[in-house]
Protein backbone atom coordinates (compact mmCIF):
# COMPACT_ATOMS: atom_id res chain seq x y z
CA MET A 1 150.57 66.83 49.80
CA ALA A 2 151.67 63.49 51.26
CA LYS A 3 153.84 60.58 50.10
CA PHE A 4 152.49 57.03 50.30
CA LEU A 5 153.47 53.48 49.39
CA PRO A 6 151.03 51.96 46.88
CA ILE A 7 150.14 48.27 47.28
CA ALA A 8 150.47 47.49 43.58
CA GLY A 9 152.29 49.74 41.12
CA ASN A 10 152.03 53.50 40.75
CA LEU A 11 148.65 55.22 40.91
CA SER A 12 147.85 58.12 38.61
CA GLY A 13 144.75 60.27 38.28
CA SER A 14 142.07 61.74 40.51
CA VAL A 15 139.59 60.05 42.81
CA GLY A 16 137.15 62.38 44.52
CA ALA A 17 139.10 65.34 45.91
CA ASN A 18 142.47 63.50 45.76
CA THR A 19 145.00 63.40 42.92
CA TYR A 20 147.53 60.53 42.77
CA SER A 21 150.85 60.72 40.93
CA HIS A 22 154.55 59.97 41.30
CA ASN A 23 157.95 61.51 40.71
CA ARG A 24 161.58 60.67 41.48
CA GLY A 25 160.81 60.88 45.19
CA GLY A 26 158.12 58.23 44.96
CA SER A 27 154.33 58.16 44.86
CA TYR A 28 152.29 60.94 46.41
CA VAL A 29 148.73 62.14 46.84
CA LYS A 30 147.51 65.73 47.07
CA ARG A 31 144.20 67.51 47.35
CA ARG A 32 142.74 68.38 43.97
CA GLY A 33 142.12 72.13 43.75
CA VAL A 34 138.93 73.37 42.16
CA PRO A 35 139.44 76.63 40.21
CA THR A 36 137.30 79.53 41.31
CA ASN A 37 134.72 81.04 38.99
CA PRO A 38 133.88 84.56 40.14
CA ASN A 39 131.54 84.96 37.16
CA SER A 40 132.42 88.63 36.81
CA SER A 41 130.46 90.92 34.53
CA ARG A 42 133.32 90.80 32.01
CA GLN A 43 133.31 86.99 32.04
CA GLN A 44 129.59 87.04 31.39
CA SER A 45 130.12 89.46 28.51
CA VAL A 46 132.84 87.31 26.96
CA ARG A 47 130.66 84.20 27.18
CA GLY A 48 127.87 86.12 25.53
CA TRP A 49 130.15 87.25 22.68
CA LEU A 50 131.42 83.74 22.05
CA SER A 51 127.90 82.36 21.91
CA ASN A 52 126.85 85.19 19.59
CA LEU A 53 129.85 84.68 17.31
CA SER A 54 129.41 80.91 17.18
CA SER A 55 125.87 81.41 15.92
CA GLY A 56 127.03 84.17 13.59
CA TRP A 57 129.66 81.97 11.95
CA LYS A 58 127.18 79.16 11.37
CA ALA A 59 124.79 81.59 9.70
CA LEU A 60 127.38 82.90 7.19
CA THR A 61 127.02 82.05 3.53
CA ALA A 62 129.56 79.77 1.87
CA PRO A 63 131.13 82.72 -0.06
CA ASP A 64 131.57 84.67 3.18
CA LYS A 65 133.19 81.68 4.91
CA ASN A 66 135.48 81.22 1.90
CA ALA A 67 136.48 84.89 2.11
CA TRP A 68 137.40 84.49 5.79
CA ALA A 69 139.39 81.35 4.93
CA ALA A 70 141.27 83.26 2.22
CA PHE A 71 142.00 86.09 4.66
CA ALA A 72 143.32 83.60 7.22
CA LEU A 73 145.54 81.96 4.61
CA ALA A 74 147.03 85.34 3.73
CA HIS A 75 147.56 86.34 7.38
CA PRO A 76 149.27 83.49 9.29
CA LYS A 77 150.24 84.10 12.91
CA THR A 78 153.68 83.87 14.48
CA ASP A 79 154.03 82.24 17.91
CA SER A 80 156.44 83.23 20.71
CA LEU A 81 159.14 80.98 19.24
CA GLY A 82 158.91 82.58 15.81
CA ASN A 83 157.07 79.66 14.21
CA THR A 84 154.36 80.31 11.65
CA VAL A 85 150.95 79.10 12.83
CA ALA A 86 148.02 78.55 10.48
CA VAL A 87 144.75 80.14 11.62
CA THR A 88 141.31 79.16 10.31
CA GLY A 89 138.74 81.55 8.92
CA ALA A 90 136.46 80.83 11.89
CA GLN A 91 139.26 81.69 14.33
CA TYR A 92 139.89 85.02 12.60
CA TYR A 93 136.16 85.74 12.53
CA ASN A 94 135.99 85.18 16.28
CA ALA A 95 139.21 87.07 17.08
CA LEU A 96 138.46 90.22 15.09
CA ASN A 97 134.83 90.37 16.10
CA SER A 98 135.68 89.80 19.76
CA ARG A 99 137.76 92.98 19.64
CA LEU A 100 134.92 94.89 18.02
CA LEU A 101 132.36 93.69 20.56
CA ASP A 102 134.76 94.35 23.42
CA GLY A 103 135.19 97.90 22.15
CA GLY A 104 131.46 98.50 21.90
CA ALA A 105 131.15 98.15 18.12
CA ALA A 106 128.96 95.81 16.10
CA LYS A 107 130.37 92.58 14.66
CA VAL A 108 131.17 92.31 10.97
CA ASP A 109 130.37 89.29 8.82
CA THR A 110 132.49 90.31 5.83
CA ALA A 111 136.18 89.44 5.88
CA PRO A 112 138.60 92.42 5.82
CA VAL A 113 139.64 93.62 2.39
CA VAL A 114 142.03 96.38 3.52
CA MET A 115 145.26 96.44 5.48
CA ALA A 116 145.36 96.82 9.26
CA PRO A 117 145.30 100.46 10.42
CA SER A 118 148.49 102.42 10.98
CA GLY A 119 149.58 102.83 14.59
CA LEU A 120 149.92 106.01 16.61
CA LEU A 121 152.97 108.15 15.87
CA THR A 122 153.47 109.09 19.54
CA PHE A 123 151.64 108.71 22.83
CA SER A 124 152.22 109.40 26.49
CA ILE A 125 150.22 109.24 29.71
CA VAL A 126 150.29 111.41 32.82
CA ARG A 127 149.11 110.03 36.17
CA THR A 128 146.33 112.22 37.57
CA SER A 129 145.41 109.98 40.52
CA ALA A 130 146.10 106.45 41.76
CA THR A 131 143.49 105.08 39.36
CA SER A 132 143.34 107.58 36.51
CA GLY A 133 145.50 109.15 33.83
CA THR A 134 145.41 111.41 30.80
CA VAL A 135 146.60 110.09 27.45
CA THR A 136 147.93 112.39 24.74
CA PHE A 137 148.79 111.16 21.27
CA THR A 138 149.45 111.92 17.62
CA SER A 139 148.18 111.94 14.99
CA THR A 140 144.99 113.50 16.28
CA PRO A 141 142.14 113.04 15.90
CA LEU A 142 141.96 109.40 14.88
CA GLY A 143 140.38 108.53 11.55
CA ALA A 144 136.66 107.87 11.28
CA GLY A 145 135.67 104.74 13.19
CA LEU A 146 139.16 104.12 14.59
CA LYS A 147 139.74 103.61 18.33
CA ILE A 148 142.73 103.27 20.64
CA GLN A 149 143.12 100.01 22.56
CA LEU A 150 145.25 100.66 25.67
CA TRP A 151 147.09 98.11 27.88
CA MET A 152 148.81 98.61 31.26
CA SER A 153 151.41 96.58 33.16
CA MET A 154 151.53 96.19 36.93
CA PRO A 155 153.21 99.24 38.52
CA THR A 156 156.70 98.45 39.84
CA ALA A 157 159.40 100.21 41.80
CA GLY A 158 162.20 98.76 39.64
CA ASP A 159 163.17 99.09 35.99
CA ARG A 160 161.39 96.10 34.47
CA ASN A 161 160.45 95.48 30.86
CA PRO A 162 157.08 93.63 30.68
CA ASN A 163 155.49 92.59 27.40
CA MET A 164 151.84 92.85 26.37
CA ALA A 165 151.09 89.32 27.58
CA GLN A 166 151.82 90.58 31.10
CA CYS A 167 149.52 93.59 30.77
CA ARG A 168 145.87 94.20 31.50
CA LEU A 169 143.44 95.92 29.16
CA VAL A 170 142.68 99.50 30.23
CA GLY A 171 139.97 100.02 27.63
CA TYR A 172 139.06 101.65 24.33
CA SER A 173 138.81 105.28 23.33
CA ALA A 174 135.83 106.74 21.55
CA ALA A 175 135.77 106.41 17.76
CA ALA A 176 137.74 109.21 16.05
CA GLN A 177 139.11 110.19 19.47
CA ALA A 178 141.01 113.46 19.72
CA THR A 179 143.85 114.07 22.16
CA SER A 180 143.63 114.15 25.16
CA TRP A 181 141.84 111.07 26.51
CA VAL A 182 141.10 110.50 30.22
CA VAL A 183 141.28 106.84 31.31
CA THR A 184 140.43 104.82 34.42
CA LEU A 185 143.30 102.48 35.27
CA PRO A 186 142.85 98.80 36.23
CA HIS A 187 145.81 98.91 38.68
CA SER A 188 146.50 101.41 41.45
CA TRP A 189 149.52 103.53 40.43
CA ALA A 190 151.52 105.22 43.19
CA VAL A 191 153.91 108.14 42.83
CA GLY A 192 157.43 106.84 42.12
CA GLN A 193 156.24 103.63 40.46
CA THR A 194 156.91 102.80 36.81
CA VAL A 195 154.26 101.48 34.43
CA THR A 196 154.58 100.21 30.86
CA PHE A 197 151.71 101.03 28.51
CA PHE A 198 150.97 99.68 25.03
CA ALA A 199 148.66 101.50 22.60
CA LEU A 200 147.20 99.98 19.44
CA VAL A 201 144.75 101.37 16.90
CA LEU A 202 141.61 99.27 16.37
CA GLY A 203 140.14 99.36 12.87
CA VAL A 204 136.48 99.19 11.89
CA ASP A 205 136.96 95.55 10.78
CA GLY A 206 138.63 94.37 14.01
CA GLN A 207 142.21 94.47 12.79
CA VAL A 208 144.73 96.25 15.00
CA SER A 209 147.92 98.15 14.31
CA GLY A 210 151.28 97.34 15.77
CA ALA A 211 151.70 98.26 19.44
CA LEU A 212 153.40 101.48 20.48
CA LYS A 213 155.11 101.28 23.90
CA ALA A 214 155.53 103.93 26.57
CA LYS A 215 157.26 103.44 29.94
CA VAL A 216 156.18 106.08 32.44
CA THR A 217 157.28 106.83 35.99
CA ALA A 218 154.76 108.81 38.04
């Protein structure tokens, strides 16, 4: 980044690979970074889901769309500041079905008519190697069609308290999974490090339970 003295007024915006702006220190120009696009297999899958769901929503009947709109009206979201946020029927259709597709299930076109599933009563995980662990939980087995969705924080040496937004998805259990469940971890976990895990129960309609938290030191 470099400061410069403009000939006439302050410049703002990008030209080619350069971005022009100004702050209290004066005008400056910096190289405009281009985000990388590794085009991983997961990214390709997500793009495929979104395309599939966009077409699926357009193909729904008016009564089905109205049912999703009614479900959205009855289930507003709460943001990080505690404010109530209205969600559209199409957004709920995409959100719930994205979970189902991510977990290997088929999408549903009918809006949910039951409550979200109940969460696990207890769960814990034991490190079996740097990249694997064994999950035990109750109640077991899960109900028909239900799956566990597991999240993992970065391993740390200190006593930190990460939230789910700072975690990475480990994966989904089999439907009606019984304890115990062997998982492959997305982060390398060394002996002595602490990891925070969150476990949710995924329902057959894409709704999830509240998250149950477990902080484990290997």
